[in-house]
C-alpha cells in the first residue's frame, strides 16, 4: 500500500475517491500562492515548522527529508495539496488544502464531496498582527469557490481550547461555528468552523 497522509480515510466510495485534488487558488498582489514543489521548499518549511510557535500548534517539527516525503505523498494522491504563500515575492507561510470528505473530519459532520479543508501556518508570528492573515483569507476563500463551482464549504478545524491560537484565528475570520467535537482517533477535542458559499450549504451534524 502506498503511503497516505495521517488523516486520509480508507474505505471510501469510488465517487469520493474520484474527486480531484484541491485547486491552486489565486491571490491578488502583493500576495501570491504556489504549490510547494520547488527546490529548497522542504528545507524552508522544515525550518519554519521547527520554530516553537509552529512546532506547538502543528506538531510537524520534521527534518527536511521527512518534509519532502510529506509533500511527495500529497502530490501522489488527491486528498490534499501543499502550498507556499508569499507577500511581495517573499515566502510568508505554508498551507495545506484537503478534501474533507476524505478526512477524519467527515466522521463528525456531513461533508460534501467537494468541501475543502484548510490548514495554514505563518512562519513569523509577528506578521499575523500586521494583518496578513486577514488580507489573505477572504480572497483565498473567494478564489477557491471561483475555481471550483462544486465546492460549497471551506472548513477549518483547530484545538478546542479557548486560548488556542488557532481558535482565535478562525473566530476572527467570521466563519460559521460548527461546535466542538471529540475526535477519538486523535484523542483530541476540536472546534470546527465553516465558510459557506450560500446559507443553504449549512452542514448537518452527527452526534
N, C-alpha and C. Protein backbone atom coordinates (compact mmCIF):
# COMPACT_ATOMS: atom_id res chain seq x y z
N UNK A 1 0.85 -1.20 0.00
CA UNK A 1 0.00 0.00 0.00
C UNK A 1 0.88 1.25 0.00
N UNK A 2 0.55 2.22 -0.80
CA UNK A 2 1.33 3.45 -0.86
C UNK A 2 1.11 4.26 0.41
N UNK A 3 2.06 5.16 0.69
CA UNK A 3 1.96 6.00 1.88
C UNK A 3 0.75 6.92 1.78
N UNK A 4 0.17 7.24 2.93
CA UNK A 4 -1.01 8.09 2.99
C UNK A 4 -0.78 9.16 4.05
N UNK A 5 -1.49 10.27 3.91
CA UNK A 5 -1.49 11.29 4.95
C UNK A 5 -2.19 10.73 6.19
N UNK A 6 -1.78 11.17 7.39
CA UNK A 6 -2.31 10.56 8.62
C UNK A 6 -3.83 10.61 8.74
N UNK A 7 -4.46 11.67 8.23
CA UNK A 7 -5.90 11.82 8.39
C UNK A 7 -6.70 11.36 7.18
N UNK A 8 -6.04 10.81 6.20
CA UNK A 8 -6.69 10.35 4.97
C UNK A 8 -7.40 9.03 5.25
N UNK A 9 -8.72 9.03 5.16
CA UNK A 9 -9.51 7.85 5.48
C UNK A 9 -9.42 6.80 4.37
N UNK A 10 -9.63 5.56 4.77
CA UNK A 10 -9.70 4.45 3.82
C UNK A 10 -11.16 3.99 3.70
N UNK A 11 -11.41 3.08 2.77
CA UNK A 11 -12.74 2.51 2.62
C UNK A 11 -13.78 3.48 2.09
N UNK A 12 -13.36 4.45 1.30
CA UNK A 12 -14.27 5.45 0.75
C UNK A 12 -14.92 4.94 -0.54
N UNK A 13 -16.03 5.56 -0.89
CA UNK A 13 -16.72 5.17 -2.12
C UNK A 13 -15.89 5.56 -3.34
N UNK A 14 -16.18 4.90 -4.46
CA UNK A 14 -15.48 5.23 -5.69
C UNK A 14 -15.71 6.69 -6.07
N UNK A 15 -16.91 7.19 -5.80
CA UNK A 15 -17.20 8.58 -6.16
C UNK A 15 -16.34 9.55 -5.34
N UNK A 16 -16.28 9.34 -4.03
CA UNK A 16 -15.46 10.21 -3.19
C UNK A 16 -14.00 10.12 -3.62
N UNK A 17 -13.53 8.92 -3.88
CA UNK A 17 -12.14 8.76 -4.32
C UNK A 17 -11.87 9.44 -5.65
N UNK A 18 -12.90 9.60 -6.49
CA UNK A 18 -12.71 10.19 -7.82
C UNK A 18 -12.64 11.70 -7.81
N UNK A 19 -13.03 12.32 -6.68
CA UNK A 19 -12.99 13.79 -6.60
C UNK A 19 -11.54 14.25 -6.69
N UNK A 20 -11.23 15.21 -7.56
CA UNK A 20 -9.84 15.62 -7.77
C UNK A 20 -9.26 16.36 -6.57
N UNK A 21 -7.97 16.55 -6.61
CA UNK A 21 -7.27 17.29 -5.56
C UNK A 21 -7.76 18.73 -5.50
N UNK A 22 -7.58 19.39 -4.36
CA UNK A 22 -7.96 20.81 -4.26
C UNK A 22 -7.24 21.65 -5.31
N UNK A 23 -7.85 22.78 -5.69
CA UNK A 23 -7.26 23.61 -6.75
C UNK A 23 -6.12 24.49 -6.24
N UNK A 24 -5.46 25.14 -7.18
CA UNK A 24 -4.47 26.17 -6.85
C UNK A 24 -5.19 27.51 -6.82
N UNK A 25 -5.33 28.12 -5.64
CA UNK A 25 -6.01 29.42 -5.58
C UNK A 25 -5.18 30.52 -6.23
N UNK A 26 -5.79 31.67 -6.41
CA UNK A 26 -5.12 32.85 -6.94
C UNK A 26 -5.31 33.98 -5.94
N UNK A 27 -4.24 34.66 -5.59
CA UNK A 27 -4.30 35.79 -4.67
C UNK A 27 -3.87 37.05 -5.40
N UNK A 28 -4.51 38.16 -5.07
CA UNK A 28 -4.17 39.44 -5.69
C UNK A 28 -2.90 40.00 -5.06
N UNK A 29 -2.14 40.73 -5.87
CA UNK A 29 -0.92 41.38 -5.36
C UNK A 29 -1.26 42.32 -4.19
N UNK A 30 -0.34 42.38 -3.21
CA UNK A 30 1.05 41.91 -3.21
C UNK A 30 1.22 40.44 -2.82
N UNK A 31 0.10 39.69 -2.70
CA UNK A 31 0.18 38.30 -2.27
C UNK A 31 0.19 37.37 -3.47
N UNK A 32 0.72 36.18 -3.24
CA UNK A 32 0.71 35.13 -4.26
C UNK A 32 0.76 33.79 -3.56
N UNK A 33 0.40 32.74 -4.28
CA UNK A 33 0.42 31.39 -3.73
C UNK A 33 0.81 30.43 -4.84
N UNK A 34 1.57 29.40 -4.49
CA UNK A 34 2.01 28.40 -5.45
C UNK A 34 2.07 27.05 -4.74
N UNK A 35 2.15 25.98 -5.53
CA UNK A 35 2.37 24.68 -4.93
C UNK A 35 3.76 24.63 -4.28
N UNK A 36 3.86 23.89 -3.20
CA UNK A 36 5.15 23.70 -2.53
C UNK A 36 5.87 22.55 -3.21
N UNK A 37 6.46 22.84 -4.37
CA UNK A 37 7.10 21.81 -5.17
C UNK A 37 8.41 22.29 -5.78
N UNK A 38 8.99 23.33 -5.20
CA UNK A 38 10.22 23.90 -5.75
C UNK A 38 11.44 23.42 -4.96
N UNK A 39 12.62 23.38 -5.61
CA UNK A 39 13.83 23.04 -4.86
C UNK A 39 14.02 23.98 -3.67
N UNK A 40 14.32 23.43 -2.53
CA UNK A 40 14.52 24.23 -1.33
C UNK A 40 13.28 24.39 -0.48
N UNK A 41 12.10 24.05 -1.01
CA UNK A 41 10.89 24.21 -0.23
C UNK A 41 10.89 23.35 1.03
N UNK A 42 11.33 22.10 0.91
CA UNK A 42 11.30 21.21 2.06
C UNK A 42 12.17 21.75 3.19
N UNK A 43 13.37 22.24 2.86
CA UNK A 43 14.26 22.79 3.89
C UNK A 43 13.66 24.04 4.52
N UNK A 44 13.07 24.91 3.70
CA UNK A 44 12.47 26.14 4.21
C UNK A 44 11.30 25.83 5.13
N UNK A 45 10.42 24.94 4.71
CA UNK A 45 9.24 24.62 5.52
C UNK A 45 9.64 23.88 6.79
N UNK A 46 10.65 23.02 6.69
CA UNK A 46 11.15 22.34 7.88
C UNK A 46 11.66 23.35 8.91
N UNK A 47 12.38 24.35 8.45
CA UNK A 47 12.88 25.38 9.38
C UNK A 47 11.72 26.11 10.04
N UNK A 48 10.69 26.45 9.25
CA UNK A 48 9.52 27.12 9.82
C UNK A 48 8.85 26.23 10.86
N UNK A 49 8.62 24.99 10.52
CA UNK A 49 7.85 24.10 11.38
C UNK A 49 8.59 23.68 12.63
N UNK A 50 9.89 23.93 12.68
CA UNK A 50 10.65 23.68 13.89
C UNK A 50 10.71 24.91 14.80
N UNK A 51 10.13 26.04 14.37
CA UNK A 51 10.02 27.20 15.24
C UNK A 51 9.00 26.90 16.33
N UNK A 52 9.21 27.40 17.55
CA UNK A 52 8.36 26.99 18.68
C UNK A 52 6.88 27.16 18.45
N UNK A 53 6.45 28.28 17.85
CA UNK A 53 5.01 28.50 17.73
C UNK A 53 4.35 27.52 16.77
N UNK A 54 5.08 27.04 15.76
CA UNK A 54 4.52 26.08 14.82
C UNK A 54 4.77 24.65 15.27
N UNK A 55 5.88 24.39 15.92
CA UNK A 55 6.11 23.05 16.47
C UNK A 55 5.01 22.70 17.47
N UNK A 56 4.54 23.72 18.20
CA UNK A 56 3.50 23.50 19.20
C UNK A 56 2.13 23.30 18.55
N UNK A 57 1.79 24.11 17.56
CA UNK A 57 0.44 24.06 17.00
C UNK A 57 0.28 22.98 15.93
N UNK A 58 1.32 22.71 15.15
CA UNK A 58 1.22 21.73 14.07
C UNK A 58 1.73 20.35 14.49
N UNK A 59 2.77 20.31 15.33
CA UNK A 59 3.36 19.03 15.69
C UNK A 59 4.09 18.35 14.54
N UNK A 60 4.56 19.15 13.58
CA UNK A 60 5.24 18.62 12.40
C UNK A 60 6.69 19.12 12.35
N UNK A 61 7.38 19.04 13.47
CA UNK A 61 8.76 19.52 13.53
C UNK A 61 9.70 18.47 12.93
N UNK A 62 9.50 18.24 11.63
CA UNK A 62 10.25 17.21 10.92
C UNK A 62 11.55 17.79 10.33
N UNK A 63 12.55 16.94 10.10
CA UNK A 63 13.70 17.36 9.30
C UNK A 63 13.29 17.52 7.84
N UNK A 64 14.17 18.14 7.06
CA UNK A 64 13.82 18.48 5.67
C UNK A 64 13.49 17.25 4.83
N UNK A 65 14.22 16.14 5.02
CA UNK A 65 13.94 14.96 4.19
C UNK A 65 12.57 14.39 4.49
N UNK A 66 12.13 14.47 5.74
CA UNK A 66 10.79 13.99 6.07
C UNK A 66 9.72 14.94 5.52
N UNK A 67 10.02 16.24 5.50
CA UNK A 67 9.09 17.18 4.89
C UNK A 67 8.96 16.94 3.39
N UNK A 68 10.06 16.58 2.76
CA UNK A 68 9.98 16.27 1.33
C UNK A 68 9.06 15.08 1.09
N UNK A 69 9.18 14.05 1.93
CA UNK A 69 8.30 12.89 1.80
C UNK A 69 6.85 13.28 2.08
N UNK A 70 6.64 14.15 3.07
CA UNK A 70 5.30 14.60 3.41
C UNK A 70 4.63 15.30 2.22
N UNK A 71 5.37 16.09 1.50
CA UNK A 71 4.81 16.77 0.33
C UNK A 71 4.66 15.82 -0.85
N UNK A 72 5.61 14.92 -1.03
CA UNK A 72 5.52 13.96 -2.13
C UNK A 72 4.28 13.08 -1.99
N UNK A 73 3.96 12.68 -0.77
CA UNK A 73 2.77 11.87 -0.53
C UNK A 73 1.51 12.62 -0.98
N UNK A 74 1.48 13.93 -0.73
CA UNK A 74 0.32 14.70 -1.13
C UNK A 74 0.16 14.76 -2.65
N UNK A 75 1.26 14.95 -3.36
CA UNK A 75 1.18 15.04 -4.82
C UNK A 75 0.90 13.68 -5.46
N UNK A 76 1.10 12.59 -4.71
CA UNK A 76 0.87 11.26 -5.25
C UNK A 76 -0.59 10.85 -5.16
N UNK A 77 -1.43 11.65 -4.50
CA UNK A 77 -2.83 11.29 -4.31
C UNK A 77 -3.68 12.54 -4.50
N UNK A 78 -4.95 12.43 -4.22
CA UNK A 78 -5.87 13.56 -4.42
C UNK A 78 -6.46 14.08 -3.12
N UNK A 79 -6.00 13.58 -2.00
CA UNK A 79 -6.53 14.00 -0.70
C UNK A 79 -6.18 15.46 -0.39
N UNK A 80 -4.94 15.86 -0.64
CA UNK A 80 -4.52 17.21 -0.24
C UNK A 80 -3.41 17.72 -1.15
N UNK A 81 -3.13 19.02 -1.01
CA UNK A 81 -2.03 19.66 -1.71
C UNK A 81 -1.32 20.64 -0.76
N UNK A 82 0.02 20.75 -0.88
CA UNK A 82 0.78 21.71 -0.08
C UNK A 82 1.08 22.97 -0.88
N UNK A 83 1.12 24.12 -0.19
CA UNK A 83 1.31 25.41 -0.86
C UNK A 83 2.26 26.29 -0.04
N UNK A 84 2.94 27.18 -0.72
CA UNK A 84 3.68 28.27 -0.10
C UNK A 84 3.02 29.57 -0.54
N UNK A 85 2.71 30.44 0.42
CA UNK A 85 2.16 31.74 0.05
C UNK A 85 3.14 32.84 0.44
N UNK A 86 3.09 33.94 -0.31
CA UNK A 86 4.12 34.98 -0.21
C UNK A 86 3.50 36.36 -0.22
N UNK A 87 4.28 37.34 0.22
CA UNK A 87 3.92 38.74 0.09
C UNK A 87 5.10 39.46 -0.55
N UNK A 88 4.84 40.24 -1.60
CA UNK A 88 5.89 40.92 -2.36
C UNK A 88 7.00 39.96 -2.77
N UNK A 89 6.62 38.72 -3.08
CA UNK A 89 7.58 37.73 -3.55
C UNK A 89 8.36 37.03 -2.47
N UNK A 90 8.18 37.44 -1.21
CA UNK A 90 8.89 36.82 -0.10
C UNK A 90 8.00 35.78 0.57
N UNK A 91 8.48 34.53 0.71
CA UNK A 91 7.66 33.49 1.34
C UNK A 91 7.21 33.90 2.74
N UNK A 92 5.93 33.74 2.98
CA UNK A 92 5.31 34.17 4.23
C UNK A 92 4.86 33.00 5.08
N UNK A 93 4.45 31.90 4.43
CA UNK A 93 3.97 30.77 5.21
C UNK A 93 3.60 29.58 4.36
N UNK A 94 3.10 28.56 5.04
CA UNK A 94 2.76 27.28 4.44
C UNK A 94 1.27 27.02 4.62
N UNK A 95 0.69 26.30 3.67
CA UNK A 95 -0.73 26.00 3.72
C UNK A 95 -0.98 24.61 3.13
N UNK A 96 -1.99 23.93 3.67
CA UNK A 96 -2.48 22.70 3.06
C UNK A 96 -3.99 22.82 2.85
N UNK A 97 -4.45 22.47 1.67
CA UNK A 97 -5.87 22.32 1.38
C UNK A 97 -6.13 20.83 1.22
N UNK A 98 -7.29 20.37 1.72
CA UNK A 98 -7.57 18.94 1.67
C UNK A 98 -9.06 18.72 1.45
N UNK A 99 -9.40 17.53 0.94
CA UNK A 99 -10.78 17.14 0.72
C UNK A 99 -11.35 16.61 2.04
N UNK A 100 -12.30 17.35 2.62
CA UNK A 100 -12.80 16.98 3.94
C UNK A 100 -13.54 15.64 3.89
N UNK A 101 -14.20 15.32 2.79
CA UNK A 101 -14.91 14.04 2.71
C UNK A 101 -13.95 12.85 2.75
N UNK A 102 -12.67 13.10 2.49
CA UNK A 102 -11.66 12.04 2.56
C UNK A 102 -10.89 12.08 3.87
N UNK A 103 -11.28 12.98 4.77
CA UNK A 103 -10.55 13.26 6.01
C UNK A 103 -11.33 12.72 7.22
N UNK A 104 -10.62 12.54 8.32
CA UNK A 104 -11.27 12.10 9.56
C UNK A 104 -12.39 13.03 10.00
N UNK A 105 -12.33 14.31 9.61
CA UNK A 105 -13.39 15.25 10.00
C UNK A 105 -14.76 14.80 9.49
N UNK A 106 -14.78 14.03 8.44
CA UNK A 106 -16.06 13.57 7.87
C UNK A 106 -16.79 12.62 8.82
N UNK A 107 -16.14 12.20 9.91
CA UNK A 107 -16.82 11.35 10.88
C UNK A 107 -17.62 12.17 11.89
N UNK A 108 -17.47 13.50 11.90
CA UNK A 108 -18.20 14.31 12.87
C UNK A 108 -19.12 15.34 12.24
N UNK A 109 -19.07 15.50 10.92
CA UNK A 109 -20.05 16.35 10.26
C UNK A 109 -20.27 15.83 8.84
N UNK A 110 -21.39 16.19 8.26
CA UNK A 110 -21.78 15.65 6.96
C UNK A 110 -21.05 16.38 5.83
N UNK A 111 -19.88 15.88 5.49
CA UNK A 111 -19.06 16.51 4.46
C UNK A 111 -19.62 16.22 3.07
N UNK A 112 -19.67 17.26 2.24
CA UNK A 112 -19.99 17.08 0.83
C UNK A 112 -18.70 16.71 0.08
N UNK A 113 -18.82 16.04 -1.06
CA UNK A 113 -17.63 15.52 -1.74
C UNK A 113 -16.58 16.58 -2.07
N UNK A 114 -17.02 17.82 -2.40
CA UNK A 114 -16.07 18.85 -2.82
C UNK A 114 -15.72 19.85 -1.72
N UNK A 115 -16.16 19.62 -0.49
CA UNK A 115 -15.76 20.50 0.60
C UNK A 115 -14.24 20.54 0.69
N UNK A 116 -13.69 21.71 0.99
CA UNK A 116 -12.25 21.89 1.09
C UNK A 116 -11.88 22.31 2.51
N UNK A 117 -10.97 21.58 3.12
CA UNK A 117 -10.43 21.95 4.42
C UNK A 117 -9.16 22.75 4.25
N UNK A 118 -8.88 23.57 5.24
CA UNK A 118 -7.74 24.50 5.17
C UNK A 118 -6.96 24.47 6.47
N UNK A 119 -5.65 24.30 6.35
CA UNK A 119 -4.71 24.49 7.45
C UNK A 119 -3.64 25.46 6.98
N UNK A 120 -3.36 26.49 7.78
CA UNK A 120 -2.37 27.48 7.39
C UNK A 120 -1.39 27.77 8.51
N UNK A 121 -0.16 28.09 8.13
CA UNK A 121 0.90 28.41 9.10
C UNK A 121 1.66 29.62 8.61
N UNK A 122 1.81 30.62 9.48
CA UNK A 122 2.61 31.79 9.14
C UNK A 122 3.98 31.66 9.81
N UNK A 123 5.03 31.78 9.01
CA UNK A 123 6.37 31.50 9.50
C UNK A 123 6.78 32.41 10.66
N UNK A 124 6.46 33.69 10.55
CA UNK A 124 6.81 34.67 11.58
C UNK A 124 5.54 35.10 12.29
N UNK A 125 5.37 34.74 13.57
CA UNK A 125 4.11 35.08 14.25
C UNK A 125 3.84 36.57 14.32
N UNK A 126 4.89 37.41 14.26
CA UNK A 126 4.66 38.85 14.30
C UNK A 126 3.94 39.35 13.05
N UNK A 127 4.02 38.59 11.96
CA UNK A 127 3.35 39.01 10.73
C UNK A 127 1.84 38.86 10.82
N UNK A 128 1.37 38.00 11.72
CA UNK A 128 -0.07 37.84 11.90
C UNK A 128 -0.70 39.15 12.34
N UNK A 129 -0.03 39.83 13.27
CA UNK A 129 -0.57 41.07 13.82
C UNK A 129 -0.49 42.23 12.83
N UNK A 130 0.18 42.02 11.71
CA UNK A 130 0.25 43.06 10.68
C UNK A 130 -0.88 42.95 9.66
N UNK A 131 -1.81 42.03 9.91
CA UNK A 131 -3.00 41.95 9.08
C UNK A 131 -2.90 41.03 7.89
N UNK A 132 -1.78 40.32 7.73
CA UNK A 132 -1.64 39.48 6.54
C UNK A 132 -2.65 38.33 6.52
N UNK A 133 -2.89 37.72 7.68
CA UNK A 133 -3.87 36.64 7.72
C UNK A 133 -5.24 37.09 7.27
N UNK A 134 -5.66 38.25 7.76
CA UNK A 134 -6.96 38.80 7.37
C UNK A 134 -6.97 39.15 5.88
N UNK A 135 -5.89 39.75 5.40
CA UNK A 135 -5.84 40.16 3.99
C UNK A 135 -5.87 38.97 3.03
N UNK A 136 -5.28 37.87 3.45
CA UNK A 136 -5.19 36.70 2.59
C UNK A 136 -6.46 35.86 2.63
N UNK A 137 -7.06 35.73 3.82
CA UNK A 137 -8.09 34.71 3.99
C UNK A 137 -9.33 34.94 3.13
N UNK A 138 -9.89 36.13 3.14
CA UNK A 138 -11.10 36.39 2.36
C UNK A 138 -10.91 36.12 0.87
N UNK A 139 -9.87 36.71 0.26
CA UNK A 139 -9.62 36.42 -1.16
C UNK A 139 -9.32 34.95 -1.43
N UNK A 140 -8.67 34.27 -0.47
CA UNK A 140 -8.38 32.85 -0.65
C UNK A 140 -9.66 32.04 -0.75
N UNK A 141 -10.59 32.28 0.17
CA UNK A 141 -11.87 31.57 0.15
C UNK A 141 -12.61 31.87 -1.15
N UNK A 142 -12.67 33.14 -1.53
CA UNK A 142 -13.35 33.52 -2.77
C UNK A 142 -12.72 32.84 -3.98
N UNK A 143 -11.39 32.73 -3.99
CA UNK A 143 -10.69 32.12 -5.11
C UNK A 143 -10.98 30.63 -5.20
N UNK A 144 -11.05 29.95 -4.06
CA UNK A 144 -11.37 28.52 -4.07
C UNK A 144 -12.78 28.31 -4.62
N UNK A 145 -13.74 29.11 -4.15
CA UNK A 145 -15.10 28.99 -4.65
C UNK A 145 -15.16 29.29 -6.16
N UNK A 146 -14.40 30.27 -6.62
CA UNK A 146 -14.41 30.61 -8.04
C UNK A 146 -13.78 29.50 -8.88
N UNK A 147 -12.71 28.91 -8.37
CA UNK A 147 -12.01 27.87 -9.12
C UNK A 147 -12.79 26.58 -9.18
N UNK A 148 -13.66 26.37 -8.20
CA UNK A 148 -14.35 25.09 -8.11
C UNK A 148 -15.83 25.29 -7.79
N UNK A 149 -16.68 25.42 -8.79
CA UNK A 149 -18.10 25.69 -8.56
C UNK A 149 -18.80 24.65 -7.70
N UNK A 150 -18.29 23.42 -7.67
CA UNK A 150 -18.94 22.38 -6.88
C UNK A 150 -18.57 22.43 -5.40
N UNK A 151 -17.60 23.25 -5.04
CA UNK A 151 -17.23 23.40 -3.63
C UNK A 151 -18.26 24.28 -2.94
N UNK A 152 -18.89 23.77 -1.89
CA UNK A 152 -19.91 24.52 -1.17
C UNK A 152 -19.42 25.10 0.14
N UNK A 153 -18.35 24.53 0.69
CA UNK A 153 -17.90 24.95 2.03
C UNK A 153 -16.39 24.87 2.14
N UNK A 154 -15.83 25.84 2.85
CA UNK A 154 -14.43 25.79 3.28
C UNK A 154 -14.45 25.51 4.78
N UNK A 155 -13.67 24.56 5.23
CA UNK A 155 -13.72 24.09 6.61
C UNK A 155 -12.38 24.34 7.30
N UNK A 156 -12.46 24.84 8.55
CA UNK A 156 -11.28 25.00 9.38
C UNK A 156 -11.47 24.25 10.68
N UNK A 157 -10.46 23.55 11.14
CA UNK A 157 -10.52 22.87 12.44
C UNK A 157 -9.30 23.23 13.25
N UNK A 158 -9.47 23.23 14.57
CA UNK A 158 -8.37 23.59 15.45
C UNK A 158 -8.62 23.02 16.82
N UNK A 159 -7.60 23.05 17.67
CA UNK A 159 -7.76 22.65 19.07
C UNK A 159 -8.88 23.45 19.70
N UNK A 160 -9.75 22.78 20.47
CA UNK A 160 -10.93 23.45 21.01
C UNK A 160 -10.64 24.37 22.19
N UNK A 161 -9.43 24.34 22.72
CA UNK A 161 -9.11 25.17 23.87
C UNK A 161 -9.40 26.64 23.62
N UNK A 162 -10.06 27.29 24.58
CA UNK A 162 -10.47 28.68 24.41
C UNK A 162 -9.29 29.61 24.11
N UNK A 163 -8.13 29.29 24.66
CA UNK A 163 -6.99 30.18 24.46
C UNK A 163 -6.08 29.80 23.31
N UNK A 164 -6.47 28.81 22.52
CA UNK A 164 -5.58 28.34 21.47
C UNK A 164 -5.47 29.38 20.36
N UNK A 165 -4.27 29.50 19.80
CA UNK A 165 -4.03 30.46 18.73
C UNK A 165 -4.92 30.16 17.53
N UNK A 166 -5.01 28.87 17.17
CA UNK A 166 -5.80 28.50 16.00
C UNK A 166 -7.26 28.88 16.15
N UNK A 167 -7.81 28.68 17.35
CA UNK A 167 -9.21 29.03 17.55
C UNK A 167 -9.43 30.53 17.44
N UNK A 168 -8.53 31.30 18.02
CA UNK A 168 -8.66 32.76 17.92
C UNK A 168 -8.59 33.20 16.46
N UNK A 169 -7.70 32.58 15.69
CA UNK A 169 -7.56 32.95 14.28
C UNK A 169 -8.85 32.68 13.53
N UNK A 170 -9.42 31.48 13.68
CA UNK A 170 -10.65 31.15 12.96
C UNK A 170 -11.81 32.03 13.41
N UNK A 171 -11.90 32.31 14.70
CA UNK A 171 -13.00 33.14 15.19
C UNK A 171 -12.94 34.54 14.58
N UNK A 172 -11.75 35.04 14.34
CA UNK A 172 -11.61 36.37 13.76
C UNK A 172 -11.96 36.41 12.27
N UNK A 173 -12.04 35.25 11.64
CA UNK A 173 -12.30 35.21 10.20
C UNK A 173 -13.79 35.19 9.88
N UNK A 174 -14.66 35.16 10.91
CA UNK A 174 -16.09 35.33 10.68
C UNK A 174 -16.82 34.14 10.10
N UNK A 175 -16.32 32.93 10.32
CA UNK A 175 -16.99 31.75 9.80
C UNK A 175 -18.16 31.32 10.68
N UNK A 176 -18.88 30.32 10.23
CA UNK A 176 -19.97 29.72 10.99
C UNK A 176 -19.40 28.67 11.93
N UNK A 177 -19.67 28.80 13.22
CA UNK A 177 -19.14 27.86 14.21
C UNK A 177 -19.97 26.58 14.17
N UNK A 178 -19.32 25.45 13.96
CA UNK A 178 -19.99 24.17 13.87
C UNK A 178 -19.84 23.34 15.15
N UNK A 179 -19.42 23.98 16.22
CA UNK A 179 -19.37 23.30 17.51
C UNK A 179 -18.04 22.64 17.80
N UNK A 180 -17.96 22.06 18.99
CA UNK A 180 -16.80 21.30 19.42
C UNK A 180 -17.09 19.81 19.28
N UNK A 181 -16.07 19.07 18.91
CA UNK A 181 -16.23 17.64 18.65
C UNK A 181 -15.04 16.89 19.21
N UNK A 182 -15.30 15.69 19.69
CA UNK A 182 -14.22 14.84 20.17
C UNK A 182 -13.81 13.88 19.06
N UNK A 183 -12.55 13.96 18.67
CA UNK A 183 -12.02 13.07 17.64
C UNK A 183 -11.33 11.91 18.35
N UNK A 184 -12.01 10.77 18.40
CA UNK A 184 -11.49 9.63 19.16
C UNK A 184 -10.15 9.15 18.62
N UNK A 185 -10.01 9.15 17.29
CA UNK A 185 -8.78 8.67 16.68
C UNK A 185 -7.58 9.52 17.12
N UNK A 186 -7.82 10.82 17.31
CA UNK A 186 -6.74 11.73 17.70
C UNK A 186 -6.67 11.93 19.21
N UNK A 187 -7.71 11.48 19.94
CA UNK A 187 -7.87 11.76 21.36
C UNK A 187 -7.76 13.27 21.61
N UNK A 188 -8.56 14.02 20.87
CA UNK A 188 -8.49 15.47 20.91
C UNK A 188 -9.87 16.08 20.71
N UNK A 189 -10.14 17.16 21.45
CA UNK A 189 -11.34 17.95 21.23
C UNK A 189 -11.00 19.07 20.25
N UNK A 190 -11.83 19.22 19.22
CA UNK A 190 -11.58 20.24 18.21
C UNK A 190 -12.76 21.20 18.13
N UNK A 191 -12.49 22.39 17.63
CA UNK A 191 -13.53 23.36 17.27
C UNK A 191 -13.57 23.41 15.75
N UNK A 192 -14.78 23.41 15.20
CA UNK A 192 -14.97 23.32 13.76
C UNK A 192 -15.66 24.58 13.25
N UNK A 193 -15.16 25.13 12.14
CA UNK A 193 -15.70 26.35 11.54
C UNK A 193 -15.92 26.12 10.05
N UNK A 194 -16.89 26.85 9.49
CA UNK A 194 -17.18 26.72 8.06
C UNK A 194 -17.42 28.09 7.44
N UNK A 195 -16.99 28.23 6.19
CA UNK A 195 -17.30 29.40 5.37
C UNK A 195 -18.11 28.88 4.20
N UNK A 196 -19.34 29.35 4.07
CA UNK A 196 -20.33 28.77 3.18
C UNK A 196 -20.46 29.59 1.89
N UNK A 197 -20.66 28.88 0.78
CA UNK A 197 -20.95 29.57 -0.46
C UNK A 197 -22.31 30.27 -0.36
N UNK A 198 -23.28 29.64 0.30
CA UNK A 198 -24.61 30.22 0.50
C UNK A 198 -25.19 29.65 1.78
N UNK A 199 -26.21 30.30 2.38
CA UNK A 199 -26.79 29.78 3.63
C UNK A 199 -27.33 28.36 3.50
N UNK A 200 -27.74 27.95 2.31
CA UNK A 200 -28.27 26.61 2.13
C UNK A 200 -27.21 25.53 2.29
N UNK A 201 -25.94 25.95 2.37
CA UNK A 201 -24.86 24.98 2.46
C UNK A 201 -24.48 24.64 3.90
N UNK A 202 -25.28 25.07 4.87
CA UNK A 202 -25.03 24.74 6.26
C UNK A 202 -25.08 23.22 6.45
N UNK A 203 -24.00 22.61 6.94
CA UNK A 203 -23.99 21.15 7.05
C UNK A 203 -24.83 20.65 8.23
N UNK A 204 -25.34 19.45 8.08
CA UNK A 204 -25.98 18.78 9.19
C UNK A 204 -24.93 18.25 10.14
N UNK A 205 -25.35 17.94 11.36
CA UNK A 205 -24.42 17.47 12.38
C UNK A 205 -24.67 15.99 12.68
N UNK A 206 -23.62 15.34 13.09
CA UNK A 206 -23.73 13.97 13.61
C UNK A 206 -23.40 14.01 15.08
N UNK A 207 -24.17 13.32 15.87
CA UNK A 207 -23.91 13.27 17.32
C UNK A 207 -23.07 12.04 17.66
